[in-house]
Amino acid sequence: MLIGGEPVRIMSALKLLLASALCLAAAAAPAQEAANASALPQNPLPGSAAPQPAQPSPAGDLQACLNETGDYVTIGRAVIYVIVIANTCDRRLRCEIFANVTGAKGSSLGHTIMTLGEAGSGPEAKQTYSMRVKAAGGIAQVSRDCKAL
């Protein structure tokens, strides 16, 4: 191998070519990220202006019509989880309720269908569902699927 000859020039040229390729790749990366940025979800920082949501769906309007509460009640030795749903809109609703209450002694599942009257209909606008659970306390997950009648 010659130190002052042709192989040293080839190595220098290869190093220069490799450095140029790395610079071009580094310059192209932000452009590629900018192209993919529109596909990523937008998560604004706290305190910044949030983007305005699209038109609210009718199902979202129905969820805004409902007030839901849930609490544990003990009757004797039985522990019951009571779900109360009240309608605040001027239309009748049919809601299918699914509940999963998980406590230290295990999980309990519940399901029911409620028909809620209009807001001005008095007690018909408020319905309750009671389900027996294994222990007071824990995590209650309740979901509902409502439709206007």
Protein backbone atom coordinates (compact mmCIF):
# COMPACT_ATOMS: atom_id res chain seq x y z
CA MET A 1 0.00 0.00 0.00
CA LEU A 2 1.45 3.33 -1.00
CA ILE A 3 1.08 6.22 1.44
CA GLY A 4 1.71 9.10 -0.96
CA GLY A 5 0.23 7.45 -4.01
CA GLU A 6 -3.08 6.71 -5.70
CA PRO A 7 -4.84 4.66 -2.89
CA VAL A 8 -4.84 7.65 -0.54
CA ARG A 9 -6.63 9.79 -3.14
CA ILE A 10 -9.26 7.09 -3.65
CA MET A 11 -9.87 6.89 0.10
CA SER A 12 -10.20 10.68 0.32
CA ALA A 13 -12.63 10.68 -2.59
CA LEU A 14 -14.70 7.90 -0.94
CA LYS A 15 -14.81 9.81 2.36
CA LEU A 16 -15.93 12.96 0.52
CA LEU A 17 -18.60 11.01 -1.35
CA LEU A 18 -19.85 9.41 1.89
CA ALA A 19 -19.96 12.78 3.67
CA SER A 20 -21.92 14.29 0.77
CA ALA A 21 -24.42 11.43 0.82
CA LEU A 22 -24.96 11.85 4.57
CA CYS A 23 -25.52 15.61 4.16
CA LEU A 24 -28.08 15.05 1.40
CA ALA A 25 -29.90 12.43 3.50
CA ALA A 26 -29.97 14.77 6.50
CA ALA A 27 -31.33 17.60 4.34
CA ALA A 28 -34.04 15.37 2.84
CA ALA A 29 -35.26 14.00 6.21
CA PRO A 30 -37.09 17.20 7.36
CA ALA A 31 -38.84 17.44 4.00
CA GLN A 32 -40.04 13.84 4.36
CA GLU A 33 -41.19 14.50 7.95
CA ALA A 34 -43.12 17.58 6.81
CA ALA A 35 -44.88 15.49 4.16
CA ASN A 36 -45.87 12.89 6.79
CA ALA A 37 -46.87 15.49 9.40
CA SER A 38 -50.35 15.90 7.94
CA ALA A 39 -51.02 12.19 8.55
CA LEU A 40 -50.14 12.42 12.25
CA PRO A 41 -52.75 13.35 14.87
CA GLN A 42 -52.62 16.92 16.07
CA ASN A 43 -52.02 17.17 19.84
CA PRO A 44 -51.83 20.84 20.79
CA LEU A 45 -49.88 21.87 23.87
CA PRO A 46 -51.82 22.98 26.95
CA GLY A 47 -52.65 26.67 26.76
CA SER A 48 -52.47 26.80 22.97
CA ALA A 49 -55.51 27.31 20.78
CA ALA A 50 -57.13 23.98 20.00
CA PRO A 51 -58.26 23.36 16.41
CA GLN A 52 -61.98 23.73 15.90
CA PRO A 53 -63.72 20.35 15.59
CA ALA A 54 -65.74 19.44 12.55
CA GLN A 55 -69.52 19.53 12.55
CA PRO A 56 -70.86 17.73 15.64
CA SER A 57 -72.60 14.49 14.84
CA PRO A 58 -76.21 13.87 15.84
CA ALA A 59 -75.05 11.05 18.15
CA GLY A 60 -72.79 13.55 19.93
CA ASP A 61 -75.78 15.85 20.40
CA LEU A 62 -77.68 13.01 22.10
CA GLN A 63 -74.81 12.40 24.52
CA ALA A 64 -74.93 16.09 25.50
CA CYS A 65 -78.60 15.59 26.43
CA LEU A 66 -77.79 13.08 29.18
CA ASN A 67 -76.65 13.49 32.77
CA GLU A 68 -75.28 10.30 34.32
CA THR A 69 -74.36 9.49 37.91
CA GLY A 70 -73.33 6.28 39.59
CA ASP A 71 -72.79 5.29 43.20
CA TYR A 72 -72.49 2.29 45.49
CA VAL A 73 -75.36 1.53 47.88
CA THR A 74 -75.28 -1.10 50.63
CA ILE A 75 -78.56 -2.76 51.60
CA GLY A 76 -77.97 -5.25 54.41
CA ARG A 77 -75.07 -7.38 53.19
CA ALA A 78 -75.75 -6.72 49.50
CA VAL A 79 -73.69 -4.13 47.61
CA ILE A 80 -75.43 -2.49 44.67
CA TYR A 81 -74.12 -0.09 42.05
CA VAL A 82 -76.85 2.35 40.99
CA ILE A 83 -76.66 4.17 37.64
CA VAL A 84 -78.98 7.18 37.20
CA ILE A 85 -79.49 8.72 33.76
CA ALA A 86 -81.55 11.88 33.21
CA ASN A 87 -82.65 13.33 29.86
CA THR A 88 -82.32 17.12 29.53
CA CYS A 89 -83.57 17.46 25.92
CA ASP A 90 -87.05 17.80 24.45
CA ARG A 91 -87.11 14.41 22.73
CA ARG A 92 -87.56 10.83 23.88
CA LEU A 93 -84.46 8.64 23.94
CA ARG A 94 -83.86 4.90 23.96
CA CYS A 95 -80.52 4.08 25.60
CA GLU A 96 -78.76 0.75 25.85
CA ILE A 97 -76.51 0.71 28.92
CA PHE A 98 -73.47 -1.53 29.43
CA ALA A 99 -71.66 -1.59 32.79
CA ASN A 100 -68.54 -3.30 34.08
CA VAL A 101 -67.71 -2.81 37.77
CA THR A 102 -64.36 -4.23 38.89
CA GLY A 103 -63.46 -4.41 42.56
CA ALA A 104 -61.17 -6.31 44.90
CA LYS A 105 -63.47 -9.34 44.86
CA GLY A 106 -63.93 -9.53 41.07
CA SER A 107 -65.92 -8.06 38.20
CA SER A 108 -69.65 -7.68 37.68
CA LEU A 109 -71.29 -7.05 34.31
CA GLY A 110 -74.61 -5.33 33.71
CA HIS A 111 -76.79 -4.51 30.70
CA THR A 112 -80.17 -2.85 30.32
CA ILE A 113 -82.29 -0.80 27.92
CA MET A 114 -83.92 2.42 29.16
CA THR A 115 -86.53 4.62 27.52
CA LEU A 116 -86.21 8.19 28.74
CA GLY A 117 -89.05 10.68 28.35
CA GLU A 118 -88.68 14.30 27.35
CA ALA A 119 -87.05 16.70 29.81
CA GLY A 120 -90.39 18.21 30.86
CA SER A 121 -92.08 14.84 31.43
CA GLY A 122 -91.05 14.65 35.10
CA PRO A 123 -90.01 11.24 36.45
CA GLU A 124 -90.13 9.63 32.97
CA ALA A 125 -87.06 11.70 32.00
CA LYS A 126 -85.00 10.06 34.77
CA GLN A 127 -84.31 6.30 34.95
CA THR A 128 -82.20 4.16 37.27
CA TYR A 129 -80.47 0.84 36.83
CA SER A 130 -79.29 -1.15 39.86
CA MET A 131 -76.85 -4.01 39.57
CA ARG A 132 -75.44 -6.21 42.29
CA VAL A 133 -71.64 -6.05 42.64
CA LYS A 134 -69.16 -8.10 44.63
CA ALA A 135 -67.63 -5.28 46.72
CA ALA A 136 -68.13 -1.58 47.37
CA GLY A 137 -65.48 0.48 45.63
CA GLY A 138 -63.34 -0.17 42.61
CA ILE A 139 -63.60 0.94 39.01
CA ALA A 140 -66.94 1.38 37.27
CA GLN A 141 -66.99 1.60 33.49
CA VAL A 142 -70.34 2.54 31.96
CA SER A 143 -71.05 3.07 28.28
CA ARG A 144 -74.31 3.85 26.53
CA ASP A 145 -75.70 3.83 23.02
CA CYS A 146 -78.66 6.20 22.66
CA LYS A 147 -81.06 6.87 19.80
CA ALA A 148 -83.84 9.43 19.47
CA LEU A 149 -87.36 8.00 19.22
